[in-house]
Amino acid sequence: MARNIEAEMDELKAQLAALKTTLAQTTGDAISNAADTIAPKIRKASRALQSEAVAVRDVVRENPGATTGAVVAILAVSAMLAWLITDNSRPRWY
């Protein structure tokens, strides 16, 4: 009886090892397929982002005054929104 249990344990260990191997192969294949699918999309997005960055750089070079004005306007709007969002009703620590 003890030998039957030991034999069953050995068989279960072998099955578990086979399942681990199968799972590792399946997972590796899935990761490889995902990488093969995503890589071209990432390259395409990278190229598009690079071309947009070049376009923005060219606009900034051609219109430095307008760019400075836009940045100052964005900062002013951000400061105004931050002031409006903050809770002015609570007492200050000073």
Protein backbone atom coordinates (compact mmCIF):
# COMPACT_ATOMS: atom_id res chain seq x y z
CA MET A 1 0.00 0.00 0.00
CA ALA A 2 2.82 2.40 0.82
CA ARG A 3 4.40 1.59 -2.55
CA ASN A 4 1.14 2.42 -4.33
CA ILE A 5 1.04 5.81 -2.62
CA GLU A 6 4.70 6.44 -3.48
CA ALA A 7 4.09 5.41 -7.08
CA GLU A 8 1.07 7.70 -7.29
CA MET A 9 3.09 10.54 -5.77
CA ASP A 10 5.85 10.01 -8.34
CA GLU A 11 3.30 9.94 -11.15
CA LEU A 12 1.66 13.13 -9.86
CA LYS A 13 5.07 14.82 -9.62
CA ALA A 14 5.81 13.84 -13.22
CA GLN A 15 2.43 15.19 -14.36
CA LEU A 16 3.01 18.41 -12.46
CA ALA A 17 6.42 18.85 -14.10
CA ALA A 18 4.85 18.25 -17.52
CA LEU A 19 2.14 20.81 -16.79
CA LYS A 20 4.74 23.36 -15.69
CA THR A 21 6.65 22.82 -18.92
CA THR A 22 3.49 23.16 -21.02
CA LEU A 23 2.48 26.30 -19.17
CA ALA A 24 5.92 27.84 -19.62
CA GLN A 25 5.86 27.12 -23.35
CA THR A 26 2.34 28.49 -23.76
CA THR A 27 3.16 31.62 -21.81
CA GLY A 28 6.35 32.14 -23.80
CA ASP A 29 4.46 31.76 -27.07
CA ALA A 30 1.80 34.22 -25.96
CA ILE A 31 4.40 36.79 -24.93
CA SER A 32 6.26 36.34 -28.20
CA ASN A 33 3.05 36.78 -30.20
CA ALA A 34 2.14 39.89 -28.23
CA ALA A 35 5.59 41.37 -28.79
CA ASP A 36 5.39 40.62 -32.50
CA THR A 37 2.00 42.32 -32.69
CA ILE A 38 2.86 45.36 -30.59
CA ALA A 39 6.34 46.15 -31.90
CA PRO A 40 5.25 47.48 -35.33
CA LYS A 41 2.57 49.62 -33.71
CA ILE A 42 5.09 51.09 -31.30
CA ARG A 43 7.49 51.84 -34.16
CA LYS A 44 4.70 53.56 -36.10
CA ALA A 45 3.65 55.63 -33.09
CA SER A 46 7.27 56.55 -32.44
CA ARG A 47 7.72 57.78 -36.00
CA ALA A 48 4.50 59.81 -35.80
CA LEU A 49 5.55 61.34 -32.50
CA GLN A 50 8.96 62.20 -33.90
CA SER A 51 7.45 63.92 -36.94
CA GLU A 52 5.07 65.90 -34.71
CA ALA A 53 7.97 66.93 -32.50
CA VAL A 54 9.85 68.19 -35.55
CA ALA A 55 6.78 70.15 -36.64
CA VAL A 56 6.41 71.73 -33.21
CA ARG A 57 10.12 72.56 -33.15
CA ASP A 58 9.83 74.29 -36.52
CA VAL A 59 6.83 76.35 -35.38
CA VAL A 60 8.67 77.39 -32.22
CA ARG A 61 11.72 78.43 -34.24
CA GLU A 62 9.61 80.46 -36.66
CA ASN A 63 7.45 82.13 -33.99
CA PRO A 64 9.33 82.50 -30.70
CA GLY A 65 7.20 85.43 -29.53
CA ALA A 66 3.94 83.60 -30.09
CA THR A 67 5.34 80.55 -28.35
CA THR A 68 6.35 82.60 -25.32
CA GLY A 69 2.92 84.22 -25.25
CA ALA A 70 1.21 80.83 -25.41
CA VAL A 71 3.33 79.45 -22.58
CA VAL A 72 2.63 82.52 -20.41
CA ALA A 73 -1.11 82.26 -21.16
CA ILE A 74 -1.14 78.57 -20.23
CA LEU A 75 0.66 79.33 -16.97
CA ALA A 76 -1.77 82.15 -16.18
CA VAL A 77 -4.80 79.97 -16.83
CA SER A 78 -3.29 77.17 -14.74
CA ALA A 79 -2.64 79.55 -11.85
CA MET A 80 -6.19 80.92 -12.07
CA LEU A 81 -7.67 77.42 -12.05
CA ALA A 82 -5.49 76.43 -9.10
CA TRP A 83 -6.63 79.52 -7.20
CA LEU A 84 -10.29 78.78 -7.98
CA ILE A 85 -9.99 75.12 -7.02
CA THR A 86 -8.29 75.66 -3.68
CA ASP A 87 -10.50 75.96 -0.65
CA ASN A 88 -10.16 79.53 0.64
CA SER A 89 -12.69 79.08 3.44
CA ARG A 90 -10.42 77.12 5.76
CA PRO A 91 -8.19 79.04 8.15
CA ARG A 92 -4.61 79.59 7.21
CA TRP A 93 -1.78 78.24 9.33
CA TYR A 94 -0.14 81.65 9.62
